[in-house]
Amino acid sequence: MSSSYPSQYIDCICTILERFAPTAFHATLPNGKPTVAFVQRKEAHLLEVIQPGDKVAVTICPADFERARIRSMA
């Protein structure tokens, strides 16, 4: 059975613009497009560290470039 949903994730670096929720940030992708970057519970220590202007390493699903998962500081 073939699935049309992409199975490969994309790793890239985003720039944080601002925090708008306890675990979510507005950010920009390397091509300038906006995305929402989320911090997962296992990376909660990053919430105290991330500031506007910081670069973070994220993982993005190719089907939805509007959401990114923050993995670490870049």
N, C-alpha and C. Protein backbone atom coordinates (compact mmCIF):
# COMPACT_ATOMS: atom_id res chain seq x y z
N MET A 1 0.84 -1.18 0.00
CA MET A 1 0.00 0.00 0.00
C MET A 1 0.88 1.24 0.00
N SER A 2 0.67 2.12 -0.92
CA SER A 2 1.44 3.34 -1.04
C SER A 2 0.71 4.50 -0.37
N SER A 3 1.44 5.29 0.40
CA SER A 3 0.84 6.42 1.08
C SER A 3 1.29 7.71 0.41
N SER A 4 0.39 8.66 0.27
CA SER A 4 0.76 9.94 -0.32
C SER A 4 1.31 10.90 0.73
N TYR A 5 1.25 10.50 2.01
CA TYR A 5 1.75 11.35 3.09
C TYR A 5 3.25 11.18 3.20
N PRO A 6 4.03 12.27 3.20
CA PRO A 6 5.48 12.15 3.25
C PRO A 6 5.95 11.52 4.56
N SER A 7 6.93 10.65 4.48
CA SER A 7 7.44 10.00 5.68
C SER A 7 8.78 10.58 6.12
N GLN A 8 9.41 11.37 5.29
CA GLN A 8 10.70 11.96 5.64
C GLN A 8 10.50 13.34 6.26
N TYR A 9 11.23 13.60 7.33
CA TYR A 9 11.17 14.91 7.98
C TYR A 9 12.34 15.76 7.53
N ILE A 10 12.19 17.07 7.64
CA ILE A 10 13.22 18.01 7.23
C ILE A 10 13.80 18.68 8.47
N ASP A 11 15.11 18.68 8.58
CA ASP A 11 15.80 19.37 9.67
C ASP A 11 16.36 20.66 9.12
N CYS A 12 16.15 21.77 9.84
CA CYS A 12 16.70 23.05 9.41
C CYS A 12 16.85 23.97 10.63
N ILE A 13 17.31 25.17 10.37
CA ILE A 13 17.52 26.18 11.41
C ILE A 13 16.49 27.29 11.22
N CYS A 14 15.79 27.65 12.28
CA CYS A 14 14.82 28.74 12.26
C CYS A 14 15.31 29.87 13.14
N THR A 15 14.83 31.07 12.88
CA THR A 15 15.11 32.23 13.73
C THR A 15 13.84 32.57 14.50
N ILE A 16 13.97 32.67 15.82
CA ILE A 16 12.83 32.97 16.68
C ILE A 16 12.50 34.46 16.57
N LEU A 17 11.22 34.77 16.38
CA LEU A 17 10.76 36.15 16.33
C LEU A 17 10.18 36.59 17.67
N GLU A 18 9.25 35.78 18.22
CA GLU A 18 8.62 36.12 19.49
C GLU A 18 7.93 34.89 20.07
N ARG A 19 7.72 34.91 21.39
CA ARG A 19 6.93 33.88 22.05
C ARG A 19 5.49 34.36 22.08
N PHE A 20 4.54 33.50 21.72
CA PHE A 20 3.14 33.91 21.78
C PHE A 20 2.29 32.97 22.63
N ALA A 21 2.86 31.89 23.12
CA ALA A 21 2.19 30.96 24.01
C ALA A 21 3.28 30.34 24.90
N PRO A 22 2.89 29.68 25.98
CA PRO A 22 3.91 29.13 26.88
C PRO A 22 4.95 28.23 26.21
N THR A 23 4.55 27.45 25.21
CA THR A 23 5.50 26.54 24.55
C THR A 23 5.62 26.79 23.05
N ALA A 24 5.15 27.94 22.56
CA ALA A 24 5.14 28.19 21.12
C ALA A 24 5.73 29.55 20.78
N PHE A 25 6.42 29.59 19.63
CA PHE A 25 7.09 30.79 19.16
C PHE A 25 6.75 31.05 17.70
N HIS A 26 6.66 32.31 17.32
CA HIS A 26 6.65 32.65 15.90
C HIS A 26 8.11 32.64 15.46
N ALA A 27 8.37 32.04 14.30
CA ALA A 27 9.74 31.92 13.81
C ALA A 27 9.73 32.03 12.29
N THR A 28 10.93 32.18 11.71
CA THR A 28 11.05 32.21 10.25
C THR A 28 11.98 31.08 9.80
N LEU A 29 11.61 30.47 8.69
CA LEU A 29 12.43 29.43 8.08
C LEU A 29 13.58 30.10 7.31
N PRO A 30 14.58 29.33 6.89
CA PRO A 30 15.70 29.92 6.14
C PRO A 30 15.26 30.65 4.86
N ASN A 31 14.14 30.25 4.27
CA ASN A 31 13.66 30.92 3.04
C ASN A 31 12.80 32.15 3.35
N GLY A 32 12.67 32.50 4.63
CA GLY A 32 11.92 33.69 5.03
C GLY A 32 10.45 33.45 5.33
N LYS A 33 9.97 32.24 5.10
CA LYS A 33 8.56 31.93 5.37
C LYS A 33 8.32 31.81 6.87
N PRO A 34 7.16 32.26 7.33
CA PRO A 34 6.86 32.14 8.76
C PRO A 34 6.44 30.73 9.14
N THR A 35 6.69 30.36 10.38
CA THR A 35 6.26 29.07 10.93
C THR A 35 6.00 29.25 12.41
N VAL A 36 5.33 28.29 13.00
CA VAL A 36 5.13 28.26 14.44
C VAL A 36 6.02 27.15 14.97
N ALA A 37 6.93 27.49 15.87
CA ALA A 37 7.88 26.53 16.42
C ALA A 37 7.46 26.17 17.84
N PHE A 38 7.32 24.88 18.09
CA PHE A 38 6.88 24.37 19.38
C PHE A 38 8.02 23.67 20.11
N VAL A 39 8.01 23.80 21.43
CA VAL A 39 8.96 23.07 22.27
C VAL A 39 8.21 21.88 22.86
N GLN A 40 8.76 20.69 22.67
CA GLN A 40 8.15 19.50 23.24
C GLN A 40 8.48 19.40 24.72
N ARG A 41 7.71 18.60 25.44
CA ARG A 41 7.90 18.46 26.88
C ARG A 41 9.31 17.99 27.24
N LYS A 42 9.87 17.06 26.45
CA LYS A 42 11.21 16.55 26.76
C LYS A 42 12.30 17.60 26.57
N GLU A 43 12.00 18.69 25.86
CA GLU A 43 12.95 19.78 25.66
C GLU A 43 12.52 21.02 26.44
N ALA A 44 11.76 20.85 27.50
CA ALA A 44 11.19 21.97 28.26
C ALA A 44 12.26 22.92 28.80
N HIS A 45 13.47 22.42 29.04
CA HIS A 45 14.55 23.30 29.54
C HIS A 45 14.85 24.44 28.57
N LEU A 46 14.54 24.26 27.30
CA LEU A 46 14.78 25.31 26.30
C LEU A 46 13.86 26.51 26.47
N LEU A 47 12.71 26.32 27.11
CA LEU A 47 11.76 27.42 27.28
C LEU A 47 12.36 28.57 28.07
N GLU A 48 13.27 28.29 28.99
CA GLU A 48 13.91 29.33 29.79
C GLU A 48 15.06 30.00 29.05
N VAL A 49 15.52 29.39 27.97
CA VAL A 49 16.71 29.85 27.27
C VAL A 49 16.39 30.64 26.00
N ILE A 50 15.38 30.21 25.27
CA ILE A 50 15.08 30.78 23.94
C ILE A 50 14.58 32.21 24.06
N GLN A 51 15.21 33.09 23.28
CA GLN A 51 14.86 34.51 23.23
C GLN A 51 14.67 34.93 21.77
N PRO A 52 13.92 36.02 21.52
CA PRO A 52 13.80 36.52 20.14
C PRO A 52 15.18 36.77 19.53
N GLY A 53 15.35 36.37 18.28
CA GLY A 53 16.61 36.52 17.58
C GLY A 53 17.47 35.27 17.63
N ASP A 54 17.17 34.35 18.55
CA ASP A 54 17.95 33.10 18.64
C ASP A 54 17.68 32.21 17.45
N LYS A 55 18.68 31.40 17.11
CA LYS A 55 18.55 30.39 16.06
C LYS A 55 18.37 29.05 16.75
N VAL A 56 17.39 28.28 16.27
CA VAL A 56 17.10 26.97 16.84
C VAL A 56 17.04 25.92 15.75
N ALA A 57 17.43 24.70 16.10
CA ALA A 57 17.32 23.58 15.18
C ALA A 57 15.92 23.01 15.30
N VAL A 58 15.25 22.83 14.16
CA VAL A 58 13.88 22.33 14.16
C VAL A 58 13.72 21.16 13.20
N THR A 59 12.63 20.41 13.40
CA THR A 59 12.23 19.35 12.49
C THR A 59 10.85 19.73 11.96
N ILE A 60 10.68 19.60 10.64
CA ILE A 60 9.44 19.98 9.98
C ILE A 60 8.95 18.80 9.13
N CYS A 61 7.65 18.58 9.16
CA CYS A 61 7.04 17.60 8.26
C CYS A 61 6.84 18.29 6.91
N PRO A 62 7.24 17.69 5.81
CA PRO A 62 7.10 18.34 4.50
C PRO A 62 5.65 18.65 4.12
N ALA A 63 4.69 18.00 4.75
CA ALA A 63 3.29 18.25 4.44
C ALA A 63 2.75 19.50 5.13
N ASP A 64 3.47 20.00 6.15
CA ASP A 64 2.97 21.13 6.92
C ASP A 64 4.14 22.01 7.37
N PHE A 65 4.52 22.97 6.53
CA PHE A 65 5.63 23.86 6.86
C PHE A 65 5.23 24.95 7.85
N GLU A 66 3.96 24.97 8.25
CA GLU A 66 3.50 26.00 9.19
C GLU A 66 3.77 25.62 10.64
N ARG A 67 4.22 24.39 10.88
CA ARG A 67 4.52 23.94 12.24
C ARG A 67 5.91 23.30 12.26
N ALA A 68 6.69 23.67 13.27
CA ALA A 68 8.03 23.12 13.41
C ALA A 68 8.23 22.68 14.86
N ARG A 69 9.01 21.64 15.07
CA ARG A 69 9.30 21.13 16.40
C ARG A 69 10.75 21.51 16.74
N ILE A 70 10.93 22.25 17.82
CA ILE A 70 12.26 22.69 18.23
C ILE A 70 13.00 21.51 18.87
N ARG A 71 14.21 21.23 18.36
CA ARG A 71 15.04 20.14 18.88
C ARG A 71 16.12 20.65 19.82
N SER A 72 16.72 21.79 19.47
CA SER A 72 17.84 22.31 20.26
C SER A 72 18.17 23.73 19.82
N MET A 73 19.06 24.35 20.56
CA MET A 73 19.60 25.65 20.15
C MET A 73 20.57 25.39 19.00
N ALA A 74 20.65 26.29 18.06
CA ALA A 74 21.55 26.10 16.91
C ALA A 74 22.89 26.77 17.15
